[in-house]
Amino acid sequence: MLEVSEYFAGKVKSIALAQPEGRATIGVMAAGEYRFSTAEREIMQVISGELGVLLPGEDEWRRFTDGERFEVPAQSAFDVRVARDSAYLCEYR
C-alpha cells in the first residue's frame, strides 16, 4: 500500500512503499533548509538535483548530486540544504 506524506508546509513530499526487504520512499524537496530526524537507518540517493547535507557528528557540509548516496544512522538527525528543487529515494534498513 502506498502512503503519501507532506512535511515543512508542503515543501517536502514523499510516497512510501512497504516491501518485504524494507520500506522505501521517493519524494521531492523544494528549495530550502530542513532538519530530519531518523528512527531507522536511512540510505538516501539523489535522483535529480543537489542536496547539501550535514551528517550527524560531522562539522562540514557535503554535496550530493544525481545518483550519489549517503547513509544516516538510526536515532539521529541530519540537516539538508536544497538550492533547487530536487528528487530523492530513501531506503529504510
Protein backbone atom coordinates (compact mmCIF):
# COMPACT_ATOMS: atom_id res chain seq x y z
CA MET A 1 0.00 0.00 0.00
CA LEU A 2 1.24 3.49 -0.83
CA GLU A 3 1.40 6.21 1.81
CA VAL A 4 1.68 9.89 0.88
CA SER A 5 3.34 12.28 3.35
CA GLU A 6 3.92 16.02 3.41
CA TYR A 7 6.39 17.95 5.61
CA PHE A 8 7.54 21.53 6.16
CA ALA A 9 4.29 23.16 4.99
CA GLY A 10 4.24 21.07 1.82
CA LYS A 11 7.81 21.85 0.73
CA VAL A 12 8.82 18.17 1.12
CA LYS A 13 6.53 15.45 -0.19
CA SER A 14 7.02 11.70 -0.40
CA ILE A 15 5.30 8.48 -1.38
CA ALA A 16 6.17 5.42 0.74
CA LEU A 17 6.11 1.78 -0.31
CA ALA A 18 6.44 -1.17 2.09
CA GLN A 19 8.22 -4.21 0.63
CA PRO A 20 9.43 -7.48 2.20
CA GLU A 21 13.04 -6.21 2.11
CA GLY A 22 12.09 -2.93 3.79
CA ARG A 23 10.31 0.35 3.37
CA ALA A 24 11.28 2.99 0.81
CA THR A 25 10.12 6.49 -0.05
CA ILE A 26 10.56 8.56 -3.15
CA GLY A 27 10.00 12.25 -2.89
CA VAL A 28 10.76 15.82 -3.76
CA MET A 29 12.15 18.76 -1.80
CA ALA A 30 11.60 22.37 -2.76
CA ALA A 31 14.49 24.78 -2.33
CA GLY A 32 15.04 25.48 1.38
CA GLU A 33 16.70 24.20 4.55
CA TYR A 34 15.38 21.22 6.52
CA ARG A 35 16.23 19.13 9.59
CA PHE A 36 15.18 15.49 9.57
CA SER A 37 15.16 13.02 12.47
CA THR A 38 15.57 9.29 11.90
CA ALA A 39 14.08 6.33 13.68
CA GLU A 40 15.73 3.77 11.38
CA ARG A 41 18.95 3.75 9.36
CA GLU A 42 18.35 5.64 6.12
CA ILE A 43 20.10 5.28 2.78
CA MET A 44 19.39 8.39 0.72
CA GLN A 45 20.04 8.71 -3.01
CA VAL A 46 19.68 11.90 -5.01
CA ILE A 47 17.59 11.16 -8.10
CA SER A 48 17.85 14.65 -9.58
CA GLY A 49 19.08 17.96 -8.28
CA GLU A 50 21.52 18.59 -5.46
CA LEU A 51 21.47 18.27 -1.67
CA GLY A 52 23.87 19.88 0.78
CA VAL A 53 23.94 17.58 3.81
CA LEU A 54 25.34 17.95 7.32
CA LEU A 55 25.53 14.41 8.67
CA PRO A 56 25.42 13.52 12.38
CA GLY A 57 28.74 14.08 14.15
CA GLU A 58 30.25 15.99 11.21
CA ASP A 59 31.27 19.66 11.08
CA GLU A 60 31.41 20.14 7.32
CA TRP A 61 28.59 20.09 4.80
CA ARG A 62 28.80 17.58 1.95
CA ARG A 63 27.31 17.97 -1.51
CA PHE A 64 25.42 15.12 -3.21
CA THR A 65 24.15 15.24 -6.80
CA ASP A 66 22.38 12.93 -9.27
CA GLY A 67 23.00 9.27 -8.43
CA GLU A 68 25.04 9.88 -5.28
CA ARG A 69 24.11 8.29 -1.94
CA PHE A 70 24.69 8.82 1.74
CA GLU A 71 23.71 6.97 4.91
CA VAL A 72 22.25 8.30 8.13
CA PRO A 73 22.30 6.17 11.31
CA ALA A 74 19.12 5.34 13.22
CA GLN A 75 18.09 7.57 16.11
CA SER A 76 19.89 10.65 14.80
CA ALA A 77 19.21 13.85 12.87
CA PHE A 78 20.68 15.49 9.79
CA ASP A 79 20.36 18.86 8.06
CA VAL A 80 19.69 19.39 4.37
CA ARG A 81 20.14 22.50 2.21
CA VAL A 82 18.36 22.39 -1.12
CA ALA A 83 19.42 25.10 -3.61
CA ARG A 84 16.97 23.97 -6.32
CA ASP A 85 14.02 21.60 -6.31
CA SER A 86 15.37 18.05 -6.03
CA ALA A 87 14.14 14.44 -6.02
CA TYR A 88 15.33 11.60 -3.77
CA LEU A 89 14.95 7.93 -2.94
CA CYS A 90 15.19 6.91 0.72
CA GLU A 91 15.53 3.28 1.80
CA TYR A 92 15.00 2.35 5.45
CA ARG A 93 17.14 -0.62 6.52
